[in-house]
Amino acid sequence: MESIYDIQQLLKKYGTFIYTGNRIGDLEIMAMELDELYKLQFIRNDDYLQAKLLLRKEIEALRKN
């Protein structure tokens, strides 16, 4: 998993489409959805950790601007 797009594609496999118009809000919702998929054991540990790290970095970068 290398980009936010990859995370969106992963979520899309499970029927989750997120667009609120607020980029930070979208990323936070993606993180919550990932948490749920991980708890239900739909996604692997390494995919979960990579996705959470990417989301955290992107959120931090957007908040700095």
Protein backbone atom coordinates (compact mmCIF):
# COMPACT_ATOMS: atom_id res chain seq x y z
CA MET A 1 0.00 0.00 0.00
CA GLU A 2 1.66 3.17 -1.21
CA SER A 3 -0.96 5.90 -1.53
CA ILE A 4 -4.31 7.20 -0.35
CA TYR A 5 -5.72 5.94 -3.63
CA ASP A 6 -4.67 2.40 -2.68
CA ILE A 7 -6.56 2.78 0.60
CA GLN A 8 -9.63 4.02 -1.27
CA GLN A 9 -9.46 0.97 -3.54
CA LEU A 10 -9.17 -1.35 -0.54
CA LEU A 11 -12.22 0.23 1.08
CA LYS A 12 -14.07 0.09 -2.22
CA LYS A 13 -13.68 -3.71 -2.24
CA TYR A 14 -15.85 -3.74 0.87
CA GLY A 15 -18.43 -1.30 -0.48
CA THR A 16 -17.15 1.79 1.30
CA PHE A 17 -17.08 5.04 -0.67
CA ILE A 18 -16.13 8.17 1.25
CA TYR A 19 -16.46 11.72 0.01
CA THR A 20 -17.67 14.54 2.21
CA GLY A 21 -15.85 17.40 0.53
CA ASN A 22 -13.60 17.83 3.56
CA ARG A 23 -10.26 16.12 2.86
CA ILE A 24 -9.22 15.75 6.50
CA GLY A 25 -12.67 14.50 7.41
CA ASP A 26 -12.55 11.97 4.59
CA LEU A 27 -9.18 10.67 5.79
CA GLU A 28 -10.41 10.37 9.37
CA ILE A 29 -13.48 8.42 8.24
CA MET A 30 -11.22 6.15 6.18
CA ALA A 31 -9.18 5.47 9.32
CA MET A 32 -12.33 4.55 11.24
CA GLU A 33 -13.47 2.23 8.46
CA LEU A 34 -10.05 0.56 8.45
CA ASP A 35 -10.33 0.04 12.21
CA GLU A 36 -13.65 -1.73 11.74
CA LEU A 37 -12.39 -3.93 8.89
CA TYR A 38 -9.36 -4.87 10.96
CA LYS A 39 -11.43 -5.70 14.04
CA LEU A 40 -13.63 -7.94 11.91
CA GLN A 41 -10.46 -9.55 10.45
CA PHE A 42 -11.28 -8.62 6.86
CA ILE A 43 -7.85 -7.09 6.25
CA ARG A 44 -4.37 -8.29 7.12
CA ASN A 45 -2.30 -6.73 9.87
CA ASP A 46 0.39 -5.38 7.52
CA ASP A 47 -2.19 -3.75 5.21
CA TYR A 48 -3.89 -2.19 8.21
CA LEU A 49 -0.66 -0.78 9.64
CA GLN A 50 0.55 0.60 6.31
CA ALA A 51 -2.81 2.22 5.60
CA LYS A 52 -3.04 3.80 9.06
CA LEU A 53 0.49 5.19 8.72
CA LEU A 54 -0.26 6.69 5.32
CA LEU A 55 -3.46 8.27 6.61
CA ARG A 56 -1.72 9.68 9.68
CA LYS A 57 1.03 11.24 7.54
CA GLU A 58 -1.46 12.76 5.12
CA ILE A 59 -3.61 14.21 7.91
CA GLU A 60 -0.55 15.74 9.59
CA ALA A 61 0.63 17.25 6.30
CA LEU A 62 -2.79 18.80 5.65
CA ARG A 63 -3.05 20.22 9.17
CA LYS A 64 0.35 21.92 8.84
CA ASN A 65 -0.88 23.88 5.82
